[in-house]
Amino acid sequence: KMLLGVWAFESMTTIRNAKRQEITILYRDEKNIETLQFETSGAIKYNVLNDGIEKNGNGIWFADDNHITIIVESDTTYGTFSIDENMLTLVINSEETDKLYENSTIIKYIKKY
């Protein structure tokens, strides 16, 4: 229930477990703006402005306890979430494959309304 509403992207931290752990942090700025809107119907709407290019669309979401699944077109994202006051933290773990090291992405959003 607490997920409902509109959230604005604040930061994204990617941790790659390569030979040495690599950490990359991206912060919101005028060129990188994103909002997510979780609706009671189970729909999710997103609006992304990335380097002046706007992308928006929608998908579906469902959550139980602290696990969340978001499906947009052919992409399914599994993760966990936590909400502390007006900050939403999504943690998405990708398994290691032949081509990619295992990595974790921690995305923070601030509640807009």
C-alpha atoms as a PDB file:
ATOM      1  CA  LYS A   1       0.000   0.000   0.000  1.00  0.00           C
ATOM      2  CA  MET A   2       2.794   2.393   0.879  1.00  0.00           C
ATOM      3  CA  LEU A   3       4.200   2.030  -2.637  1.00  0.00           C
ATOM      4  CA  LEU A   4       1.199   3.760  -4.195  1.00  0.00           C
ATOM      5  CA  GLY A   5       1.777   7.208  -5.636  1.00  0.00           C
ATOM      6  CA  VAL A   6       4.443   9.024  -7.596  1.00  0.00           C
ATOM      7  CA  TRP A   7       8.154   8.676  -6.839  1.00  0.00           C
ATOM      8  CA  ALA A   8      11.002  10.751  -8.249  1.00  0.00           C
ATOM      9  CA  PHE A   9      14.411   9.241  -8.988  1.00  0.00           C
ATOM     10  CA  GLU A  10      17.166  10.385  -6.651  1.00  0.00           C
ATOM     11  CA  SER A  11      20.183   8.108  -7.194  1.00  0.00           C
ATOM     12  CA  MET A  12      21.313   4.772  -8.571  1.00  0.00           C
ATOM     13  CA  THR A  13      24.263   2.836  -7.184  1.00  0.00           C
ATOM     14  CA  THR A  14      25.578  -0.124  -9.168  1.00  0.00           C
ATOM     15  CA  ILE A  15      27.930  -2.566  -7.474  1.00  0.00           C
ATOM     16  CA  ARG A  16      29.719  -4.954  -9.820  1.00  0.00           C
ATOM     17  CA  ASN A  17      31.421  -7.896  -8.209  1.00  0.00           C
ATOM     18  CA  ALA A  18      34.241  -8.146 -10.724  1.00  0.00           C
ATOM     19  CA  LYS A  19      37.804  -9.034  -9.784  1.00  0.00           C
ATOM     20  CA  ARG A  20      37.620  -5.940  -7.627  1.00  0.00           C
ATOM     21  CA  GLN A  21      34.305  -4.575  -6.598  1.00  0.00           C
ATOM     22  CA  GLU A  22      33.369  -1.627  -8.796  1.00  0.00           C
ATOM     23  CA  ILE A  23      30.872   0.936  -7.576  1.00  0.00           C
ATOM     24  CA  THR A  24      29.185   3.478  -9.856  1.00  0.00           C
ATOM     25  CA  ILE A  25      26.778   6.130  -8.598  1.00  0.00           C
ATOM     26  CA  LEU A  26      24.469   8.187 -10.793  1.00  0.00           C
ATOM     27  CA  TYR A  27      22.572  11.118  -9.276  1.00  0.00           C
ATOM     28  CA  ARG A  28      19.513  12.966 -10.507  1.00  0.00           C
ATOM     29  CA  ASP A  29      20.365  16.090 -12.477  1.00  0.00           C
ATOM     30  CA  GLU A  30      18.665  18.238 -15.122  1.00  0.00           C
ATOM     31  CA  LYS A  31      19.551  15.648 -17.772  1.00  0.00           C
ATOM     32  CA  ASN A  32      18.487  12.561 -15.814  1.00  0.00           C
ATOM     33  CA  ILE A  33      14.979  12.748 -14.429  1.00  0.00           C
ATOM     34  CA  GLU A  34      12.687   9.803 -13.807  1.00  0.00           C
ATOM     35  CA  THR A  35       9.338   9.329 -12.136  1.00  0.00           C
ATOM     36  CA  LEU A  36       7.522   6.109 -11.314  1.00  0.00           C
ATOM     37  CA  GLN A  37       3.822   5.980 -10.549  1.00  0.00           C
ATOM     38  CA  PHE A  38       2.444   2.913  -8.772  1.00  0.00           C
ATOM     39  CA  GLU A  39      -1.345   2.635  -9.160  1.00  0.00           C
ATOM     40  CA  THR A  40      -3.874   0.600  -7.142  1.00  0.00           C
ATOM     41  CA  SER A  41      -4.899  -1.274 -10.298  1.00  0.00           C
ATOM     42  CA  GLY A  42      -1.414  -2.837 -10.467  1.00  0.00           C
ATOM     43  CA  ALA A  43      -0.367  -0.559 -13.323  1.00  0.00           C
ATOM     44  CA  ILE A  44       2.960   1.259 -13.195  1.00  0.00           C
ATOM     45  CA  LYS A  45       3.686   4.345 -15.286  1.00  0.00           C
ATOM     46  CA  TYR A  46       7.175   5.641 -15.863  1.00  0.00           C
ATOM     47  CA  ASN A  47       8.519   8.809 -17.347  1.00  0.00           C
ATOM     48  CA  VAL A  48      12.251   9.079 -18.006  1.00  0.00           C
ATOM     49  CA  LEU A  49      14.270  11.994 -19.341  1.00  0.00           C
ATOM     50  CA  ASN A  50      17.785  10.815 -20.107  1.00  0.00           C
ATOM     51  CA  ASP A  51      20.228  13.201 -21.789  1.00  0.00           C
ATOM     52  CA  GLY A  52      17.317  15.099 -23.315  1.00  0.00           C
ATOM     53  CA  ILE A  53      15.584  11.978 -24.643  1.00  0.00           C
ATOM     54  CA  GLU A  54      12.169  11.324 -23.141  1.00  0.00           C
ATOM     55  CA  LYS A  55      10.788   7.816 -22.723  1.00  0.00           C
ATOM     56  CA  ASN A  56       7.545   6.939 -21.070  1.00  0.00           C
ATOM     57  CA  GLY A  57       5.333   3.941 -20.881  1.00  0.00           C
ATOM     58  CA  ASN A  58       3.613   1.608 -18.540  1.00  0.00           C
ATOM     59  CA  GLY A  59       3.648  -1.888 -17.249  1.00  0.00           C
ATOM     60  CA  ILE A  60       2.408  -3.875 -14.290  1.00  0.00           C
ATOM     61  CA  TRP A  61       3.730  -4.372 -10.791  1.00  0.00           C
ATOM     62  CA  PHE A  62       3.007  -6.552  -7.799  1.00  0.00           C
ATOM     63  CA  ALA A  63       4.580  -6.746  -4.399  1.00  0.00           C
ATOM     64  CA  ASP A  64       4.330  -8.870  -1.294  1.00  0.00           C
ATOM     65  CA  ASP A  65       6.183  -8.347   1.948  1.00  0.00           C
ATOM     66  CA  ASN A  66       9.294  -6.594   0.672  1.00  0.00           C
ATOM     67  CA  HIS A  67       9.563  -8.312  -2.739  1.00  0.00           C
ATOM     68  CA  ILE A  68       8.539  -6.530  -5.901  1.00  0.00           C
ATOM     69  CA  THR A  69       8.108  -7.597  -9.518  1.00  0.00           C
ATOM     70  CA  ILE A  70       7.832  -5.031 -12.311  1.00  0.00           C
ATOM     71  CA  ILE A  71       6.997  -6.099 -15.868  1.00  0.00           C
ATOM     72  CA  VAL A  72       7.472  -3.602 -18.712  1.00  0.00           C
ATOM     73  CA  GLU A  73       7.149  -4.959 -22.240  1.00  0.00           C
ATOM     74  CA  SER A  74       9.423  -8.018 -22.354  1.00  0.00           C
ATOM     75  CA  ASP A  75      11.502  -7.013 -19.316  1.00  0.00           C
ATOM     76  CA  THR A  76      10.753  -8.481 -15.911  1.00  0.00           C
ATOM     77  CA  THR A  77      12.568  -6.976 -12.926  1.00  0.00           C
ATOM     78  CA  TYR A  78      12.628  -8.733  -9.554  1.00  0.00           C
ATOM     79  CA  GLY A  79      13.865  -7.025  -6.454  1.00  0.00           C
ATOM     80  CA  THR A  80      13.234  -6.007  -2.906  1.00  0.00           C
ATOM     81  CA  PHE A  81      12.049  -2.662  -1.649  1.00  0.00           C
ATOM     82  CA  SER A  82      11.977  -0.703   1.561  1.00  0.00           C
ATOM     83  CA  ILE A  83      10.370   2.597   2.425  1.00  0.00           C
ATOM     84  CA  ASP A  84      11.759   4.882   5.081  1.00  0.00           C
ATOM     85  CA  GLU A  85       9.648   7.995   5.589  1.00  0.00           C
ATOM     86  CA  ASN A  86       9.491   9.451   2.060  1.00  0.00           C
ATOM     87  CA  MET A  87      12.394   7.469   0.542  1.00  0.00           C
ATOM     88  CA  LEU A  88      11.847   4.321  -1.522  1.00  0.00           C
ATOM     89  CA  THR A  89      14.848   2.036  -1.999  1.00  0.00           C
ATOM     90  CA  LEU A  90      14.730  -0.684  -4.665  1.00  0.00           C
ATOM     91  CA  VAL A  91      17.450  -3.333  -4.683  1.00  0.00           C
ATOM     92  CA  ILE A  92      17.798  -5.383  -7.843  1.00  0.00           C
ATOM     93  CA  ASN A  93      20.294  -8.242  -8.005  1.00  0.00           C
ATOM     94  CA  SER A  94      21.384  -9.733 -11.328  1.00  0.00           C
ATOM     95  CA  GLU A  95      22.847 -13.196 -11.387  1.00  0.00           C
ATOM     96  CA  GLU A  96      26.232 -13.794 -12.921  1.00  0.00           C
ATOM     97  CA  THR A  97      26.109 -15.021 -16.535  1.00  0.00           C
ATOM     98  CA  ASP A  98      28.844 -15.962 -19.004  1.00  0.00           C
ATOM     99  CA  LYS A  99      29.016 -12.357 -20.176  1.00  0.00           C
ATOM    100  CA  LEU A 100      28.229 -10.381 -17.037  1.00  0.00           C
ATOM    101  CA  TYR A 101      29.491 -10.330 -13.504  1.00  0.00           C
ATOM    102  CA  GLU A 102      26.943 -10.506 -10.748  1.00  0.00           C
ATOM    103  CA  ASN A 103      25.815  -7.033  -9.828  1.00  0.00           C
ATOM    104  CA  SER A 104      23.466  -5.214  -7.503  1.00  0.00           C
ATOM    105  CA  THR A 105      21.642  -2.019  -8.299  1.00  0.00           C
ATOM    106  CA  ILE A 106      20.294   0.165  -5.514  1.00  0.00           C
ATOM    107  CA  ILE A 107      17.853   2.800  -6.739  1.00  0.00           C
ATOM    108  CA  LYS A 108      16.495   5.520  -4.480  1.00  0.00           C
ATOM    109  CA  TYR A 109      13.326   7.519  -5.103  1.00  0.00           C
ATOM    110  CA  ILE A 110      11.701  10.343  -3.163  1.00  0.00           C
ATOM    111  CA  LYS A 111       7.919  10.446  -2.730  1.00  0.00           C
ATOM    112  CA  LYS A 112       6.330  13.270  -4.720  1.00  0.00           C
ATOM    113  CA  TYR A 113       2.659  12.597  -3.924  1.00  0.00           C
END
